[in-house]
Amino acid sequence: MTMRSFPDRVRHAVSFELIGLAIVTPLAAWLYDKPVLDMGVVGVGAATLATVWNFVFNLGFDHAMRRWAGDVRKALRHRLLHTVLFELGLLVMLLPPMAWYLGMTLWQTLLLDLFIVAFYLVYNFVFNVAYDRLFPLPRAAEGQPA
């Protein structure tokens, strides 16, 4: 089974973050009564880390899928597992720097981040299902199953 190409993975990661950032930054600033600029800095920092994490995680997840399942096409259960593991990893990496920058306790930041995580759990799932439909996996070479 063929995997996504490097340019396709870059397109996926960048478009995921740009669209998500455009939605969540002003919404979080409004909901948590923080300056849009501060939330923008947090958003850009988080998006930068998330973009790198997205690329690395998706590559690793696809290798694991191919090894364990023999295929990289994801059924609903694989998409759900993919989404939860991705967001948990990102949460662990983002919480301390967000608390420091926003001058909030870890608990307050966790509550803020839970809103962002809830948004991205839904967004991640919807985006990836849409991406798979808009940009399907390339067909395997002749003689290999598609």
N, C-alpha and C. Protein backbone atom coordinates (compact mmCIF):
# COMPACT_ATOMS: atom_id res chain seq x y z
N MET A 1 0.85 -1.19 0.00
CA MET A 1 0.00 0.00 0.00
C MET A 1 0.88 1.24 0.00
N THR A 2 0.59 2.15 -0.86
CA THR A 2 1.37 3.38 -0.91
C THR A 2 0.95 4.30 0.24
N MET A 3 1.90 5.13 0.63
CA MET A 3 1.64 6.11 1.68
C MET A 3 1.61 7.50 1.05
N ARG A 4 1.17 8.45 1.82
CA ARG A 4 1.13 9.83 1.32
C ARG A 4 2.54 10.33 1.06
N SER A 5 2.67 11.18 0.06
CA SER A 5 3.96 11.74 -0.30
C SER A 5 4.35 12.86 0.67
N PHE A 6 5.62 13.23 0.64
CA PHE A 6 6.10 14.32 1.48
C PHE A 6 5.34 15.62 1.19
N PRO A 7 5.19 16.03 -0.08
CA PRO A 7 4.43 17.27 -0.34
C PRO A 7 2.98 17.19 0.15
N ASP A 8 2.37 16.02 0.02
CA ASP A 8 1.00 15.85 0.50
C ASP A 8 0.94 16.01 2.02
N ARG A 9 1.91 15.45 2.72
CA ARG A 9 1.95 15.58 4.19
C ARG A 9 2.17 17.04 4.60
N VAL A 10 2.98 17.76 3.86
CA VAL A 10 3.20 19.18 4.16
C VAL A 10 1.90 19.95 3.93
N ARG A 11 1.23 19.71 2.80
CA ARG A 11 -0.05 20.38 2.51
C ARG A 11 -1.05 20.09 3.62
N HIS A 12 -1.12 18.84 4.05
CA HIS A 12 -2.05 18.43 5.11
C HIS A 12 -1.76 19.18 6.41
N ALA A 13 -0.51 19.16 6.85
CA ALA A 13 -0.15 19.77 8.13
C ALA A 13 -0.37 21.28 8.12
N VAL A 14 0.06 21.95 7.06
CA VAL A 14 -0.05 23.41 7.00
C VAL A 14 -1.51 23.84 6.89
N SER A 15 -2.28 23.19 6.03
CA SER A 15 -3.68 23.59 5.89
C SER A 15 -4.47 23.30 7.17
N PHE A 16 -4.17 22.20 7.84
CA PHE A 16 -4.83 21.88 9.11
C PHE A 16 -4.61 23.01 10.11
N GLU A 17 -3.38 23.43 10.27
CA GLU A 17 -3.06 24.45 11.28
C GLU A 17 -3.59 25.83 10.91
N LEU A 18 -3.47 26.23 9.67
CA LEU A 18 -3.94 27.56 9.27
C LEU A 18 -5.45 27.70 9.45
N ILE A 19 -6.20 26.71 9.01
CA ILE A 19 -7.66 26.77 9.15
C ILE A 19 -8.05 26.73 10.63
N GLY A 20 -7.44 25.82 11.39
CA GLY A 20 -7.75 25.72 12.81
C GLY A 20 -7.42 27.00 13.57
N LEU A 21 -6.29 27.58 13.29
CA LEU A 21 -5.86 28.82 13.96
C LEU A 21 -6.81 29.98 13.65
N ALA A 22 -7.25 30.06 12.42
CA ALA A 22 -8.17 31.13 12.04
C ALA A 22 -9.52 31.03 12.76
N ILE A 23 -9.89 29.83 13.14
CA ILE A 23 -11.16 29.63 13.85
C ILE A 23 -10.98 29.79 15.36
N VAL A 24 -9.98 29.13 15.94
CA VAL A 24 -9.91 29.02 17.40
C VAL A 24 -9.34 30.26 18.10
N THR A 25 -8.43 31.00 17.48
CA THR A 25 -7.80 32.13 18.16
C THR A 25 -8.80 33.21 18.57
N PRO A 26 -9.59 33.75 17.67
CA PRO A 26 -10.54 34.78 18.13
C PRO A 26 -11.62 34.22 19.05
N LEU A 27 -12.00 32.97 18.83
CA LEU A 27 -13.02 32.36 19.69
C LEU A 27 -12.51 32.20 21.12
N ALA A 28 -11.28 31.72 21.29
CA ALA A 28 -10.70 31.55 22.63
C ALA A 28 -10.48 32.90 23.31
N ALA A 29 -10.03 33.90 22.57
CA ALA A 29 -9.84 35.23 23.15
C ALA A 29 -11.15 35.77 23.69
N TRP A 30 -12.21 35.60 22.94
CA TRP A 30 -13.52 36.09 23.36
C TRP A 30 -14.04 35.30 24.56
N LEU A 31 -13.95 33.96 24.50
CA LEU A 31 -14.49 33.13 25.58
C LEU A 31 -13.75 33.31 26.91
N TYR A 32 -12.43 33.54 26.85
CA TYR A 32 -11.61 33.60 28.07
C TYR A 32 -11.17 35.01 28.42
N ASP A 33 -11.72 35.98 27.73
CA ASP A 33 -11.45 37.39 28.03
C ASP A 33 -9.95 37.68 28.11
N LYS A 34 -9.24 37.21 27.11
CA LYS A 34 -7.81 37.46 26.98
C LYS A 34 -7.62 38.32 25.73
N PRO A 35 -6.59 39.13 25.72
CA PRO A 35 -6.33 39.91 24.51
C PRO A 35 -6.11 39.00 23.30
N VAL A 36 -6.66 39.41 22.18
CA VAL A 36 -6.51 38.63 20.96
C VAL A 36 -5.03 38.46 20.61
N LEU A 37 -4.22 39.51 20.86
CA LEU A 37 -2.79 39.41 20.57
C LEU A 37 -2.14 38.30 21.40
N ASP A 38 -2.44 38.24 22.70
CA ASP A 38 -1.88 37.18 23.55
C ASP A 38 -2.33 35.80 23.07
N MET A 39 -3.61 35.68 22.77
CA MET A 39 -4.10 34.40 22.28
C MET A 39 -3.51 34.09 20.91
N GLY A 40 -3.25 35.13 20.13
CA GLY A 40 -2.61 34.93 18.84
C GLY A 40 -1.20 34.40 18.98
N VAL A 41 -0.44 34.96 19.94
CA VAL A 41 0.93 34.48 20.19
C VAL A 41 0.89 33.02 20.64
N VAL A 42 0.00 32.73 21.58
CA VAL A 42 -0.16 31.34 22.04
C VAL A 42 -0.60 30.46 20.87
N GLY A 43 -1.53 30.97 20.08
CA GLY A 43 -2.02 30.20 18.95
C GLY A 43 -0.95 29.91 17.91
N VAL A 44 -0.16 30.92 17.57
CA VAL A 44 0.91 30.71 16.59
C VAL A 44 1.98 29.76 17.14
N GLY A 45 2.35 29.95 18.41
CA GLY A 45 3.31 29.03 19.02
C GLY A 45 2.78 27.61 19.06
N ALA A 46 1.53 27.47 19.47
CA ALA A 46 0.92 26.15 19.54
C ALA A 46 0.77 25.55 18.14
N ALA A 47 0.39 26.38 17.18
CA ALA A 47 0.23 25.89 15.80
C ALA A 47 1.56 25.44 15.22
N THR A 48 2.62 26.17 15.53
CA THR A 48 3.94 25.79 15.03
C THR A 48 4.35 24.43 15.59
N LEU A 49 4.21 24.29 16.92
CA LEU A 49 4.52 22.99 17.54
C LEU A 49 3.59 21.92 17.01
N ALA A 50 2.31 22.24 16.89
CA ALA A 50 1.34 21.26 16.42
C ALA A 50 1.60 20.84 14.98
N THR A 51 2.09 21.76 14.16
CA THR A 51 2.39 21.43 12.77
C THR A 51 3.52 20.39 12.70
N VAL A 52 4.55 20.63 13.47
CA VAL A 52 5.66 19.66 13.52
C VAL A 52 5.16 18.33 14.10
N TRP A 53 4.41 18.40 15.19
CA TRP A 53 3.86 17.20 15.83
C TRP A 53 2.93 16.48 14.85
N ASN A 54 2.11 17.22 14.13
CA ASN A 54 1.19 16.64 13.17
C ASN A 54 1.95 15.81 12.13
N PHE A 55 2.99 16.40 11.58
CA PHE A 55 3.79 15.71 10.57
C PHE A 55 4.42 14.44 11.13
N VAL A 56 5.10 14.58 12.28
CA VAL A 56 5.80 13.44 12.89
C VAL A 56 4.80 12.37 13.34
N PHE A 57 3.73 12.79 14.00
CA PHE A 57 2.75 11.83 14.51
C PHE A 57 2.08 11.08 13.36
N ASN A 58 1.65 11.80 12.32
CA ASN A 58 0.98 11.13 11.20
C ASN A 58 1.89 10.14 10.49
N LEU A 59 3.15 10.51 10.32
CA LEU A 59 4.10 9.59 9.71
C LEU A 59 4.26 8.34 10.58
N GLY A 60 4.46 8.54 11.88
CA GLY A 60 4.59 7.40 12.79
C GLY A 60 3.34 6.55 12.85
N PHE A 61 2.17 7.21 12.88
CA PHE A 61 0.91 6.47 12.93
C PHE A 61 0.73 5.63 11.67
N ASP A 62 1.05 6.20 10.51
CA ASP A 62 0.93 5.44 9.26
C ASP A 62 1.89 4.25 9.23
N HIS A 63 3.11 4.44 9.70
CA HIS A 63 4.04 3.32 9.76
C HIS A 63 3.51 2.23 10.70
N ALA A 64 2.95 2.63 11.83
CA ALA A 64 2.37 1.66 12.77
C ALA A 64 1.17 0.95 12.13
N MET A 65 0.33 1.69 11.43
CA MET A 65 -0.82 1.08 10.76
C MET A 65 -0.36 0.06 9.72
N ARG A 66 0.63 0.43 8.94
CA ARG A 66 1.11 -0.49 7.91
C ARG A 66 1.71 -1.74 8.54
N ARG A 67 2.43 -1.55 9.64
CA ARG A 67 3.06 -2.70 10.31
C ARG A 67 2.03 -3.61 10.97
N TRP A 68 1.08 -3.01 11.69
CA TRP A 68 0.13 -3.81 12.47
C TRP A 68 -1.09 -4.25 11.68
N ALA A 69 -1.53 -3.42 10.73
CA ALA A 69 -2.74 -3.75 9.99
C ALA A 69 -2.47 -4.08 8.52
N GLY A 70 -1.25 -3.81 8.04
CA GLY A 70 -0.92 -4.08 6.64
C GLY A 70 -1.43 -3.05 5.67
N ASP A 71 -1.99 -1.95 6.17
CA ASP A 71 -2.61 -0.94 5.33
C ASP A 71 -2.60 0.39 6.09
N VAL A 72 -2.58 1.50 5.36
CA VAL A 72 -2.61 2.80 6.02
C VAL A 72 -3.98 3.48 5.92
N ARG A 73 -4.93 2.85 5.23
CA ARG A 73 -6.28 3.41 5.19
C ARG A 73 -6.91 3.22 6.56
N LYS A 74 -7.58 4.27 7.02
CA LYS A 74 -8.07 4.30 8.39
C LYS A 74 -9.58 4.15 8.44
N ALA A 75 -10.02 3.14 9.16
CA ALA A 75 -11.44 2.99 9.45
C ALA A 75 -11.80 3.99 10.55
N LEU A 76 -13.06 4.08 10.84
CA LEU A 76 -13.53 5.02 11.86
C LEU A 76 -12.80 4.82 13.18
N ARG A 77 -12.63 3.59 13.62
CA ARG A 77 -11.95 3.34 14.91
C ARG A 77 -10.49 3.80 14.87
N HIS A 78 -9.85 3.68 13.71
CA HIS A 78 -8.47 4.15 13.58
C HIS A 78 -8.41 5.68 13.64
N ARG A 79 -9.38 6.33 13.00
CA ARG A 79 -9.44 7.80 13.02
C ARG A 79 -9.66 8.30 14.45
N LEU A 80 -10.53 7.64 15.18
CA LEU A 80 -10.78 8.06 16.57
C LEU A 80 -9.53 7.88 17.43
N LEU A 81 -8.86 6.75 17.32
CA LEU A 81 -7.62 6.51 18.06
C LEU A 81 -6.56 7.53 17.66
N HIS A 82 -6.42 7.77 16.38
CA HIS A 82 -5.47 8.74 15.84
C HIS A 82 -5.70 10.11 16.46
N THR A 83 -6.95 10.53 16.49
CA THR A 83 -7.31 11.86 16.99
C THR A 83 -7.00 12.00 18.48
N VAL A 84 -7.41 11.02 19.27
CA VAL A 84 -7.19 11.09 20.72
C VAL A 84 -5.70 11.07 21.06
N LEU A 85 -4.94 10.18 20.45
CA LEU A 85 -3.50 10.11 20.73
C LEU A 85 -2.78 11.39 20.31
N PHE A 86 -3.15 11.92 19.17
CA PHE A 86 -2.54 13.17 18.71
C PHE A 86 -2.78 14.29 19.71
N GLU A 87 -4.02 14.46 20.14
CA GLU A 87 -4.36 15.56 21.04
C GLU A 87 -3.75 15.38 22.43
N LEU A 88 -3.68 14.17 22.94
CA LEU A 88 -3.03 13.94 24.24
C LEU A 88 -1.55 14.31 24.20
N GLY A 89 -0.86 13.92 23.14
CA GLY A 89 0.55 14.27 23.01
C GLY A 89 0.75 15.77 22.94
N LEU A 90 -0.11 16.43 22.20
CA LEU A 90 -0.01 17.88 22.07
C LEU A 90 -0.29 18.58 23.41
N LEU A 91 -1.25 18.10 24.15
CA LEU A 91 -1.59 18.68 25.46
C LEU A 91 -0.39 18.64 26.41
N VAL A 92 0.28 17.53 26.46
CA VAL A 92 1.45 17.38 27.34
C VAL A 92 2.55 18.37 26.96
N MET A 93 2.73 18.62 25.67
CA MET A 93 3.78 19.53 25.22
C MET A 93 3.41 21.01 25.40
N LEU A 94 2.13 21.35 25.33
CA LEU A 94 1.72 22.76 25.32
C LEU A 94 1.38 23.37 26.68
N LEU A 95 0.91 22.58 27.60
CA LEU A 95 0.38 23.13 28.85
C LEU A 95 1.36 24.03 29.61
N PRO A 96 2.58 23.59 29.91
CA PRO A 96 3.49 24.46 30.68
C PRO A 96 3.83 25.80 30.00
N PRO A 97 4.19 25.82 28.71
CA PRO A 97 4.50 27.12 28.12
C PRO A 97 3.28 28.04 28.02
N MET A 98 2.10 27.49 27.81
CA MET A 98 0.90 28.32 27.76
C MET A 98 0.64 28.97 29.12
N ALA A 99 0.77 28.21 30.20
CA ALA A 99 0.53 28.74 31.55
C ALA A 99 1.51 29.87 31.84
N TRP A 100 2.76 29.65 31.50
CA TRP A 100 3.78 30.67 31.75
C TRP A 100 3.47 31.95 30.98
N TYR A 101 3.19 31.85 29.68
CA TYR A 101 2.99 33.03 28.85
C TYR A 101 1.74 33.80 29.23
N LEU A 102 0.67 33.11 29.54
CA LEU A 102 -0.59 33.77 29.86
C LEU A 102 -0.69 34.17 31.33
N GLY A 103 0.33 33.81 32.14
CA GLY A 103 0.32 34.16 33.56
C GLY A 103 -0.81 33.47 34.31
N MET A 104 -1.07 32.25 33.96
CA MET A 104 -2.16 31.49 34.57
C MET A 104 -1.59 30.28 35.31
N THR A 105 -2.35 29.76 36.25
CA THR A 105 -1.94 28.52 36.91
C THR A 105 -2.08 27.37 35.92
N LEU A 106 -1.45 26.26 36.24
CA LEU A 106 -1.59 25.09 35.37
C LEU A 106 -3.06 24.65 35.29
N TRP A 107 -3.76 24.74 36.42
CA TRP A 107 -5.18 24.35 36.44
C TRP A 107 -6.00 25.26 35.51
N GLN A 108 -5.80 26.59 35.63
CA GLN A 108 -6.53 27.52 34.77
C GLN A 108 -6.19 27.27 33.30
N THR A 109 -4.94 27.02 33.05
CA THR A 109 -4.51 26.77 31.67
C THR A 109 -5.07 25.45 31.16
N LEU A 110 -5.15 24.46 32.05
CA LEU A 110 -5.75 23.18 31.65
C LEU A 110 -7.20 23.39 31.23
N LEU A 111 -7.94 24.19 31.99
CA LEU A 111 -9.33 24.46 31.63
C LEU A 111 -9.43 25.16 30.28
N LEU A 112 -8.56 26.14 30.07
CA LEU A 112 -8.51 26.82 28.78
C LEU A 112 -8.15 25.82 27.69
N ASP A 113 -7.15 25.02 27.96
CA ASP A 113 -6.69 24.06 26.97
C ASP A 113 -7.74 22.99 26.70
N LEU A 114 -8.53 22.63 27.70
CA LEU A 114 -9.59 21.64 27.47
C LEU A 114 -10.60 22.15 26.44
N PHE A 115 -10.89 23.47 26.49
CA PHE A 115 -11.74 24.05 25.46
C PHE A 115 -11.08 23.88 24.09
N ILE A 116 -9.79 24.22 24.03
CA ILE A 116 -9.07 24.14 22.76
C ILE A 116 -8.99 22.69 22.29
N VAL A 117 -8.74 21.77 23.23
CA VAL A 117 -8.67 20.35 22.88
C VAL A 117 -10.03 19.86 22.38
N ALA A 118 -11.11 20.26 23.05
CA ALA A 118 -12.45 19.85 22.60
C ALA A 118 -12.70 20.35 21.17
N PHE A 119 -12.33 21.60 20.92
CA PHE A 119 -12.47 22.13 19.57
C PHE A 119 -11.66 21.29 18.59
N TYR A 120 -10.38 21.05 18.92
CA TYR A 120 -9.51 20.35 17.98
C TYR A 120 -9.84 18.87 17.86
N LEU A 121 -10.44 18.25 18.87
CA LEU A 121 -10.87 16.86 18.72
C LEU A 121 -11.89 16.76 17.59
N VAL A 122 -12.86 17.64 17.63
CA VAL A 122 -13.90 17.65 16.59
C VAL A 122 -13.28 18.09 15.27
N TYR A 123 -12.54 19.18 15.30
CA TYR A 123 -11.94 19.73 14.09
C TYR A 123 -10.99 18.72 13.44
N ASN A 124 -10.15 18.06 14.23
CA ASN A 124 -9.20 17.07 13.72
C ASN A 124 -9.93 15.96 12.97
N PHE A 125 -10.98 15.44 13.58
CA PHE A 125 -11.74 14.36 12.96
C PHE A 125 -12.37 14.83 11.65
N VAL A 126 -13.08 15.95 11.69
CA VAL A 126 -13.77 16.47 10.50
C VAL A 126 -12.75 16.82 9.40
N PHE A 127 -11.67 17.50 9.79
CA PHE A 127 -10.66 17.88 8.81
C PHE A 127 -10.07 16.65 8.13
N ASN A 128 -9.69 15.64 8.91
CA ASN A 128 -9.02 14.47 8.34
C ASN A 128 -9.95 13.64 7.47
N VAL A 129 -11.21 13.51 7.86
CA VAL A 129 -12.16 12.81 7.00
C VAL A 129 -12.33 13.58 5.69
N ALA A 130 -12.48 14.90 5.78
CA ALA A 130 -12.62 15.72 4.57
C ALA A 130 -11.35 15.65 3.72
N TYR A 131 -10.19 15.71 4.36
CA TYR A 131 -8.92 15.66 3.63
C TYR A 131 -8.79 14.33 2.88
N ASP A 132 -9.14 13.23 3.55
CA ASP A 132 -9.07 11.92 2.91
C ASP A 132 -9.97 11.84 1.68
N ARG A 133 -11.10 12.53 1.74
CA ARG A 133 -12.02 12.53 0.60
C ARG A 133 -11.55 13.48 -0.50
N LEU A 134 -11.03 14.64 -0.11
CA LEU A 134 -10.55 15.60 -1.12
C LEU A 134 -9.25 15.15 -1.78
N PHE A 135 -8.39 14.51 -0.99
CA PHE A 135 -7.08 14.06 -1.47
C PHE A 135 -6.91 12.58 -1.12
N PRO A 136 -7.58 11.69 -1.85
CA PRO A 136 -7.49 10.26 -1.52
C PRO A 136 -6.07 9.73 -1.69
N LEU A 137 -5.79 8.64 -1.01
CA LEU A 137 -4.49 7.99 -1.16
C LEU A 137 -4.28 7.60 -2.61
N PRO A 138 -3.05 7.73 -3.09
CA PRO A 138 -2.78 7.30 -4.48
C PRO A 138 -2.93 5.79 -4.60
N ARG A 139 -3.30 5.36 -5.77
CA ARG A 139 -3.44 3.92 -6.03
C ARG A 139 -2.05 3.27 -5.99
N ALA A 140 -2.03 2.03 -5.55
CA ALA A 140 -0.77 1.27 -5.53
C ALA A 140 -0.35 0.96 -6.96
N ALA A 141 0.91 0.62 -7.11
CA ALA A 141 1.44 0.25 -8.42
C ALA A 141 0.70 -0.98 -8.94
N GLU A 142 0.69 -1.18 -10.26
CA GLU A 142 0.02 -2.30 -10.88
C GLU A 142 0.45 -3.61 -10.24
N GLY A 143 -0.50 -4.49 -9.96
CA GLY A 143 -0.18 -5.77 -9.35
C GLY A 143 -0.28 -5.77 -7.83
N GLN A 144 -0.41 -4.61 -7.21
CA GLN A 144 -0.58 -4.52 -5.78
C GLN A 144 -2.01 -4.11 -5.48
N PRO A 145 -2.56 -4.57 -4.34
CA PRO A 145 -3.93 -4.18 -4.03
C PRO A 145 -4.01 -2.66 -3.79
N ALA A 146 -5.12 -2.08 -4.19
CA ALA A 146 -5.31 -0.63 -4.05
C ALA A 146 -5.78 -0.28 -2.67
